[in-house]
Amino acid sequence: MTTTQNAIGPSEALGTLFTPSGKRNPYPLYEALRELGPVVKLGPKLVFAQGHDACTDALREPGLLVTDASVHSKTGMLEHSSWQCFTKIMMFSNGTDHDRLRTFSRWAYNPQSITGLRSTIEDKATGLAQRLTAWAGDPVDLVEEFSSRLTLAVTGELYGIPLSDQLMLRSAIANTTTAFEPVFDLSELADGDAGMDVLVDYMAGLADSRRREPRDDVATRMVHEADATGTVTSDELVAGLVMFLIAGVQSPSDLIAGTIRMALLKPAEWQAADAEAFVTEVLRFDAPSQVLTRVAGCDVVLAGVPVAEGARVMLLLAAANRDPSRYDEPDVFRPHRSPNRPLSFGFGMHYCLGAQLARMQAEIGLTTLAHHFPHMTLEDEPRYRDQLVQRGLARLPVRLRPR
């Protein structure tokens, strides 16, 4: 345990967690909170779950619901375009609405479809790596020039979004993820709302375009199925297109950049590991998705702690991934752990549909860069965005050294 971890207590850690400094490095704070137990009750209406077993149980507990439209109707957040859209997708729906939306969306990311994308991802990654040779010997930001471009290119290929539009949408996609952060003042949703307005307008236009001129892409298939079956409303169709764009770009980009960062910080571990095991350990050690929120739809008991109906339950997945009761030396990066099943993509009925695609892009992205630039080094300290729920690098400055 570090000096910082020794010096800070649970109360101070809790107060620091959602500050800019806490978001930059939350792991000592999770460690300080751990002494309070796997489930921490902060009052009648707020509970933190941080143990691995407790978070797993919470994710499969039917009495713990996602924060859907009925929840946000009481918070004022439904007056904001970001959450008007989010509450029309399966990620923030419960019961029959969730089942209906997930059934409609499931085919887009079935294992067969994802496996068939491997050659596309390899081609896109190779093209971007070849483009990077222009920076050979000079500093370059791999978030700007590789990780976000790769996931945009792959998702753009799926939906038929031209390259010029992909780059235009990039900042809007990143801005929408700020709306996932805990909101202490509704004005904090301004960036998320602005980003969502751009994406909703774009995807509504894309849906109309595919009705007029169908193509061989996922957007056309989603529009055709929605119109033919009536399974989803037009607003839900647009929201689904928006969410697949955000989820297909931002979280995989964060995972790619985080994986490259760890390979540069831990070259011996990277050289001794296969890409799949390395990415799995990155997901455990420093995952893009750190926190999920649930609401108790009824009285439940979590790890022996009673949780009253209506209480918010914050699941600290990143803390659970470093639970010492689950993993030996959890603060040590060790790709050959077995078993190694981090909760970073969720668990149960809300398990991320795009998990396989995100993993594949991270594995291919890392191996492609390592092949083209085997002596690549960090140029400066990587910088994280001021976010915790969707944690990711804002900059990853490296110096490329080609073969």
Foldseek 3Di string as FASTA:
>chain_A
DDPVLVPDAQVVLVVCCQPLVNQQPVVSSLVRNCVCDQKADPDQFAIEGQAQVLQQCLLAPLQWAACAPVNCVVVVLCVFLLRVLVNLALLRDDDPSNVLRCVLVLVLQDPVNLVVCLVVLLVLLLVLLVVCVVQAQHKDWCLVRPLLLSLLSSVCVQLVNDPVVSVVLSQLLVQLVQVVFDDPDSVSCVSNRVSSVVQLVVLLVSLVVCVVPPDPHPSVVSSVCCVVPVSGDSSSSSSVSSVCSSVSRQQLSQLLLLLLVVCQVCVVLVVVDALLLSSLLSCLQPHQAFKGKIARCAWDAGPNRIRHHGHIYIYGQNSNSQNCVVDPPSNDRHSPDPPRDGCSQHDDPNRDSCPVNSSSSNNSNNVSLCQFFVPKHFPDDFAWDSGRRRTGTPTGMIHGHGD
